[in-house]
Every structure is written in structure tokens, then in C-alpha cells.
N, C-alpha and C. Protein backbone atom coordinates (compact mmCIF):
# COMPACT_ATOMS: atom_id res chain seq x y z
N MET A 1 -4.34 18.62 7.10
CA MET A 1 -4.16 17.22 7.49
C MET A 1 -5.30 16.80 8.37
N LYS A 2 -5.91 17.66 9.19
CA LYS A 2 -6.92 17.27 10.14
C LYS A 2 -8.23 16.93 9.43
N ASN A 3 -8.39 17.16 8.14
CA ASN A 3 -9.59 16.78 7.42
C ASN A 3 -9.58 15.37 6.88
N ASN A 4 -8.42 14.69 7.01
CA ASN A 4 -8.32 13.34 6.56
C ASN A 4 -9.25 12.39 7.34
N THR A 5 -9.62 11.31 6.70
CA THR A 5 -10.40 10.30 7.43
C THR A 5 -9.78 8.97 7.22
N ILE A 6 -10.24 8.00 8.03
CA ILE A 6 -9.76 6.66 7.95
C ILE A 6 -10.51 5.91 6.90
N LYS A 7 -9.79 5.27 5.95
CA LYS A 7 -10.48 4.50 4.91
C LYS A 7 -10.65 3.07 5.33
N SER A 8 -9.58 2.52 5.94
CA SER A 8 -9.70 1.10 6.43
C SER A 8 -8.77 0.85 7.58
N ILE A 9 -9.04 -0.24 8.29
CA ILE A 9 -8.30 -0.66 9.44
C ILE A 9 -8.02 -2.12 9.32
N LYS A 10 -6.78 -2.53 9.73
CA LYS A 10 -6.50 -3.97 9.78
C LYS A 10 -5.69 -4.23 11.01
N PRO A 11 -6.27 -4.99 11.99
CA PRO A 11 -5.52 -5.32 13.19
C PRO A 11 -4.52 -6.36 12.84
N MET A 12 -3.29 -6.19 13.17
CA MET A 12 -2.18 -7.13 12.92
C MET A 12 -1.77 -7.79 14.24
N LYS A 13 -0.77 -8.65 14.19
CA LYS A 13 -0.22 -9.27 15.36
C LYS A 13 0.55 -8.29 16.22
N ASN A 14 0.69 -8.67 17.47
CA ASN A 14 1.54 -7.92 18.42
C ASN A 14 1.12 -6.48 18.65
N GLY A 15 -0.22 -6.19 18.54
CA GLY A 15 -0.67 -4.87 18.88
C GLY A 15 -0.45 -3.82 17.79
N ILE A 16 -0.17 -4.25 16.59
CA ILE A 16 0.09 -3.34 15.48
C ILE A 16 -1.30 -3.12 14.74
N LEU A 17 -1.65 -1.84 14.53
CA LEU A 17 -2.87 -1.53 13.79
C LEU A 17 -2.48 -0.87 12.50
N LYS A 18 -2.85 -1.47 11.39
CA LYS A 18 -2.59 -0.87 10.08
C LYS A 18 -3.77 -0.01 9.75
N VAL A 19 -3.42 1.25 9.40
CA VAL A 19 -4.50 2.26 9.14
C VAL A 19 -4.24 2.82 7.73
N VAL A 20 -5.26 2.78 6.87
CA VAL A 20 -5.14 3.38 5.56
C VAL A 20 -6.08 4.62 5.58
N LEU A 21 -5.48 5.76 5.22
CA LEU A 21 -6.23 7.01 5.20
C LEU A 21 -6.86 7.23 3.80
N ASP A 22 -7.87 8.09 3.75
CA ASP A 22 -8.51 8.34 2.47
C ASP A 22 -7.54 8.99 1.45
N THR A 23 -6.43 9.48 1.90
CA THR A 23 -5.44 10.10 0.99
C THR A 23 -4.59 8.99 0.29
N GLY A 24 -4.72 7.76 0.76
CA GLY A 24 -3.94 6.67 0.26
C GLY A 24 -2.70 6.40 1.11
N ASN A 25 -2.37 7.30 1.99
CA ASN A 25 -1.27 7.04 2.92
C ASN A 25 -1.66 5.98 3.92
N SER A 26 -0.65 5.23 4.39
CA SER A 26 -0.96 4.26 5.44
C SER A 26 -0.05 4.44 6.61
N LEU A 27 -0.52 3.98 7.73
CA LEU A 27 0.26 4.04 9.01
C LEU A 27 0.28 2.66 9.67
N SER A 28 1.29 2.34 10.32
CA SER A 28 1.33 1.18 11.20
C SER A 28 1.49 1.73 12.62
N VAL A 29 0.44 1.59 13.41
CA VAL A 29 0.44 2.17 14.76
C VAL A 29 0.73 1.07 15.71
N ASP A 30 1.80 1.22 16.48
CA ASP A 30 2.13 0.21 17.51
C ASP A 30 1.37 0.56 18.77
N MET A 31 0.38 -0.24 19.07
CA MET A 31 -0.43 -0.01 20.27
C MET A 31 -0.10 -0.96 21.39
N SER A 32 1.00 -1.74 21.27
CA SER A 32 1.30 -2.75 22.22
C SER A 32 1.48 -2.19 23.63
N ASP A 33 2.08 -1.01 23.82
CA ASP A 33 2.17 -0.42 25.11
C ASP A 33 0.82 -0.01 25.67
N LYS A 34 -0.05 0.42 24.78
CA LYS A 34 -1.40 0.90 25.20
C LYS A 34 -2.25 -0.31 25.74
N LEU A 35 -1.93 -1.51 25.27
CA LEU A 35 -2.72 -2.68 25.70
C LEU A 35 -2.52 -2.95 27.17
N MET A 36 -1.59 -2.29 27.82
CA MET A 36 -1.37 -2.54 29.23
C MET A 36 -2.11 -1.50 30.09
N THR A 37 -2.91 -0.63 29.46
CA THR A 37 -3.63 0.41 30.22
C THR A 37 -5.07 -0.07 30.42
N ALA A 38 -5.72 0.63 31.40
CA ALA A 38 -7.12 0.32 31.69
C ALA A 38 -8.03 0.56 30.51
N ARG A 39 -7.81 1.60 29.74
CA ARG A 39 -8.64 1.93 28.64
C ARG A 39 -8.57 0.87 27.49
N PHE A 40 -7.39 0.41 27.20
CA PHE A 40 -7.21 -0.45 26.05
C PHE A 40 -6.91 -1.92 26.45
N GLY A 41 -6.89 -2.24 27.73
CA GLY A 41 -6.55 -3.59 28.16
C GLY A 41 -7.40 -4.67 27.60
N VAL A 42 -8.67 -4.40 27.36
CA VAL A 42 -9.55 -5.46 26.76
C VAL A 42 -9.08 -5.89 25.39
N LEU A 43 -8.30 -5.07 24.71
CA LEU A 43 -7.78 -5.39 23.40
C LEU A 43 -6.74 -6.45 23.40
N LYS A 44 -6.20 -6.81 24.57
CA LYS A 44 -5.29 -7.93 24.66
C LYS A 44 -5.96 -9.25 24.26
N ASN A 45 -7.27 -9.31 24.37
CA ASN A 45 -8.03 -10.46 23.97
C ASN A 45 -8.07 -10.43 22.39
N SER A 46 -7.42 -11.45 21.77
CA SER A 46 -7.34 -11.37 20.32
C SER A 46 -8.69 -11.42 19.62
N ASP A 47 -9.68 -12.01 20.22
CA ASP A 47 -11.01 -11.94 19.60
C ASP A 47 -11.55 -10.55 19.55
N VAL A 48 -11.32 -9.80 20.58
CA VAL A 48 -11.77 -8.36 20.60
C VAL A 48 -10.87 -7.55 19.67
N TRP A 49 -9.56 -7.75 19.70
CA TRP A 49 -8.63 -7.00 18.82
C TRP A 49 -9.01 -7.14 17.37
N GLN A 50 -9.45 -8.30 16.94
CA GLN A 50 -9.77 -8.55 15.57
C GLN A 50 -11.07 -7.92 15.11
N THR A 51 -11.87 -7.40 16.05
CA THR A 51 -13.16 -6.78 15.65
C THR A 51 -13.03 -5.36 15.18
N ALA A 52 -11.82 -4.82 15.14
CA ALA A 52 -11.64 -3.43 14.74
C ALA A 52 -12.32 -3.06 13.46
N ASP A 53 -13.06 -1.96 13.48
CA ASP A 53 -13.65 -1.40 12.25
C ASP A 53 -13.63 0.12 12.39
N THR A 54 -14.01 0.78 11.33
CA THR A 54 -14.00 2.23 11.34
C THR A 54 -15.22 2.81 10.67
N ASP A 55 -15.61 4.00 11.10
CA ASP A 55 -16.66 4.73 10.40
C ASP A 55 -16.05 5.94 9.65
N GLY A 56 -14.71 5.95 9.55
CA GLY A 56 -13.97 7.03 8.89
C GLY A 56 -13.34 8.05 9.89
N ASN A 57 -13.99 8.23 11.04
CA ASN A 57 -13.49 9.17 12.00
C ASN A 57 -12.97 8.50 13.31
N PHE A 58 -13.50 7.31 13.57
CA PHE A 58 -13.14 6.58 14.74
C PHE A 58 -12.83 5.13 14.42
N VAL A 59 -12.00 4.46 15.23
CA VAL A 59 -11.85 3.03 15.19
C VAL A 59 -12.62 2.52 16.37
N HIS A 60 -13.35 1.41 16.16
CA HIS A 60 -14.20 0.82 17.22
C HIS A 60 -13.81 -0.64 17.40
N TRP A 61 -13.88 -1.13 18.59
CA TRP A 61 -13.68 -2.54 18.92
C TRP A 61 -14.86 -3.04 19.71
N TYR A 62 -15.20 -4.30 19.57
CA TYR A 62 -16.44 -4.83 20.15
C TYR A 62 -16.19 -6.11 20.87
N LYS A 63 -16.98 -6.36 21.91
CA LYS A 63 -17.00 -7.64 22.64
C LYS A 63 -18.49 -8.02 22.77
N ASP A 64 -18.81 -9.16 22.26
CA ASP A 64 -20.26 -9.61 22.28
C ASP A 64 -21.13 -8.59 21.64
N ASP A 65 -20.75 -7.99 20.52
CA ASP A 65 -21.49 -7.00 19.76
C ASP A 65 -21.72 -5.69 20.51
N ILE A 66 -20.99 -5.42 21.59
CA ILE A 66 -21.07 -4.22 22.29
C ILE A 66 -19.72 -3.47 22.13
N GLU A 67 -19.79 -2.19 21.79
CA GLU A 67 -18.57 -1.42 21.65
C GLU A 67 -17.88 -1.33 22.99
N VAL A 68 -16.58 -1.65 23.05
CA VAL A 68 -15.86 -1.58 24.28
C VAL A 68 -14.73 -0.57 24.24
N VAL A 69 -14.24 -0.24 23.08
CA VAL A 69 -13.20 0.77 22.95
C VAL A 69 -13.44 1.60 21.67
N GLU A 70 -13.14 2.88 21.75
CA GLU A 70 -13.25 3.78 20.61
C GLU A 70 -11.99 4.63 20.60
N LEU A 71 -11.43 4.82 19.42
CA LEU A 71 -10.21 5.59 19.24
C LEU A 71 -10.44 6.57 18.10
N SER A 72 -10.21 7.84 18.31
CA SER A 72 -10.48 8.87 17.29
C SER A 72 -9.32 8.95 16.32
N PHE A 73 -9.59 9.57 15.16
CA PHE A 73 -8.56 9.85 14.12
C PHE A 73 -7.52 10.71 14.78
N ASP A 74 -7.89 11.72 15.53
CA ASP A 74 -6.89 12.63 16.16
C ASP A 74 -6.00 11.87 17.12
N GLU A 75 -6.60 10.95 17.90
CA GLU A 75 -5.79 10.13 18.81
C GLU A 75 -4.77 9.23 18.08
N LEU A 76 -5.22 8.67 16.95
CA LEU A 76 -4.27 7.90 16.13
C LEU A 76 -3.13 8.73 15.63
N MET A 77 -3.45 9.97 15.18
CA MET A 77 -2.41 10.85 14.73
C MET A 77 -1.46 11.25 15.84
N GLN A 78 -2.03 11.49 17.02
CA GLN A 78 -1.19 11.85 18.20
C GLN A 78 -0.24 10.70 18.54
N MET A 79 -0.75 9.43 18.43
CA MET A 79 0.10 8.29 18.76
C MET A 79 1.21 8.11 17.73
N THR A 80 0.93 8.52 16.51
CA THR A 80 1.89 8.38 15.44
C THR A 80 2.87 9.53 15.32
N LEU A 81 2.38 10.74 15.46
CA LEU A 81 3.19 11.93 15.21
C LEU A 81 3.61 12.62 16.49
N GLY A 82 2.97 12.28 17.60
CA GLY A 82 3.27 12.94 18.87
C GLY A 82 2.92 14.42 18.82
N SER A 83 3.73 15.22 19.43
CA SER A 83 3.41 16.67 19.53
C SER A 83 3.51 17.40 18.17
N ALA A 84 4.04 16.72 17.14
CA ALA A 84 4.10 17.32 15.87
C ALA A 84 2.73 17.48 15.20
N TYR A 85 1.77 16.71 15.76
CA TYR A 85 0.37 16.81 15.25
C TYR A 85 -0.32 17.88 16.02
């Protein structure tokens, strides 16, 4: 499972991030609680939230063309599966 990569990302409303893996499986990751933290707080700005893209291993968000948040594949899996990952 740890060899999977992220195929695509789609930021949805209310802090939900749709993630499609290269296996064809998809996840809906609820990040709404994370948006209240120092690390992810900038993502409350919908203009920043909508900039989400991926290089296959990380999700990146930008403000004024500068990366402001990075989230790894492993962190996404941890958010989704918890200690089972």
C-alpha cells in the first residue's frame, strides 16, 4: 500500500479533499478540523484551498504563487486510516 501515489486532487466544500490514487481508489478526506490548526489555517481562505495540486507524492497549496502548505501521501493515509496505516 505504501507504494501508491496520488493521481489527482479535488478540493471540495467544507474542507473535504477528494483524492484519487493511481490504483483507481478514491478517498474523501475531511480536513475541516485541521483548518483550525496553525499548520493548515491558511487553507480556510477559499482562494488558497482551491489551489490544491499534486506531484503524486504530496499535495501542495499556494498563496500568490508561493507554496504555503504541503501534505504527504503518508499523512493523507494517516488522516484516513489512523493507526491502521
